[in-house]
Amino acid sequence: MTRGQWLAGCLVFVAASACAAVSSPWAERIFSPPPAPAADTANAARARTCITLSGKRFEWSFPNPPFGTLSCSD
């Protein structure tokens, strides 16, 4: 390996490291998820009645229905 090739390789490594250091705060700001809204305790405590595929009923207090349910009350 010649001195020019070695120097070019070092410059590529330094440039890539510098670009990563500069773009990291920007990428964190752009791609971070938005803050979650405050939890609504009235809706969180409300239990819904769900029916499984076999007809069994049960209470479910989470916003999305569980797997294997036919329906959930609103």
Protein backbone atom coordinates (compact mmCIF):
# COMPACT_ATOMS: atom_id res chain seq x y z
CA MET A 1 0.00 0.00 0.00
CA THR A 2 1.41 3.34 -0.98
CA ARG A 3 1.54 6.40 1.18
CA GLY A 4 -1.16 8.08 -0.95
CA GLN A 5 -3.54 5.14 -0.57
CA TRP A 6 -2.96 5.05 3.17
CA LEU A 7 -3.58 8.80 3.45
CA ALA A 8 -6.74 8.57 1.32
CA GLY A 9 -8.06 5.76 3.54
CA CYS A 10 -7.39 7.79 6.68
CA LEU A 11 -9.12 10.84 5.19
CA VAL A 12 -12.20 8.78 4.30
CA PHE A 13 -12.35 7.43 7.85
CA VAL A 14 -11.95 10.93 9.38
CA ALA A 15 -14.56 12.43 7.02
CA ALA A 16 -17.07 9.66 7.77
CA SER A 17 -16.54 10.08 11.51
CA ALA A 18 -16.96 13.86 11.29
CA CYS A 19 -20.14 13.57 9.22
CA ALA A 20 -21.59 11.05 11.69
CA ALA A 21 -20.79 13.34 14.62
CA VAL A 22 -22.35 16.36 12.92
CA SER A 23 -25.48 14.62 11.63
CA SER A 24 -26.27 12.65 14.79
CA PRO A 25 -28.12 15.48 16.64
CA TRP A 26 -30.05 16.33 13.46
CA ALA A 27 -31.07 12.72 12.90
CA GLU A 28 -32.08 12.35 16.54
CA ARG A 29 -34.26 15.45 16.31
CA ILE A 30 -35.88 14.48 12.98
CA PHE A 31 -36.47 10.77 13.55
CA SER A 32 -37.36 10.68 17.26
CA PRO A 33 -41.01 9.85 18.04
CA PRO A 34 -43.27 12.67 19.19
CA PRO A 35 -43.93 12.89 22.93
CA ALA A 36 -46.82 10.75 24.10
CA PRO A 37 -49.95 12.61 25.21
CA ALA A 38 -50.88 12.53 28.86
CA ALA A 39 -52.73 9.38 29.84
CA ASP A 40 -56.44 9.85 30.17
CA THR A 41 -57.28 8.01 33.39
CA ALA A 42 -61.02 8.00 32.71
CA ASN A 43 -60.63 6.07 29.45
CA ALA A 44 -57.81 3.88 30.74
CA ALA A 45 -59.86 2.57 33.67
CA ARG A 46 -62.92 1.80 31.52
CA ALA A 47 -63.22 -1.92 30.91
CA ARG A 48 -64.79 -3.27 27.74
CA THR A 49 -66.48 -6.60 27.33
CA CYS A 50 -64.86 -8.77 24.66
CA ILE A 51 -66.11 -12.01 23.12
CA THR A 52 -63.67 -14.71 21.99
CA LEU A 53 -64.14 -16.83 18.88
CA SER A 54 -65.57 -19.61 21.08
CA GLY A 55 -68.17 -17.25 22.65
CA LYS A 56 -66.49 -16.71 26.01
CA ARG A 57 -66.89 -13.18 27.46
CA PHE A 58 -64.23 -11.33 29.47
CA GLU A 59 -63.34 -7.80 30.58
CA TRP A 60 -60.55 -5.96 28.71
CA SER A 61 -59.32 -2.49 29.74
CA PHE A 62 -56.73 -1.86 27.03
CA PRO A 63 -57.38 0.30 23.93
CA ASN A 64 -56.80 -2.39 21.31
CA PRO A 65 -58.62 -5.75 21.31
CA PRO A 66 -56.63 -8.89 22.12
CA PHE A 67 -55.81 -11.52 19.51
CA GLY A 68 -58.51 -14.12 18.93
CA THR A 69 -61.53 -11.97 19.82
CA LEU A 70 -64.65 -11.75 17.74
CA SER A 71 -65.61 -8.30 19.02
CA CYS A 72 -65.24 -5.85 21.90
CA SER A 73 -67.78 -3.33 23.17
CA ASP A 74 -66.99 0.36 22.87
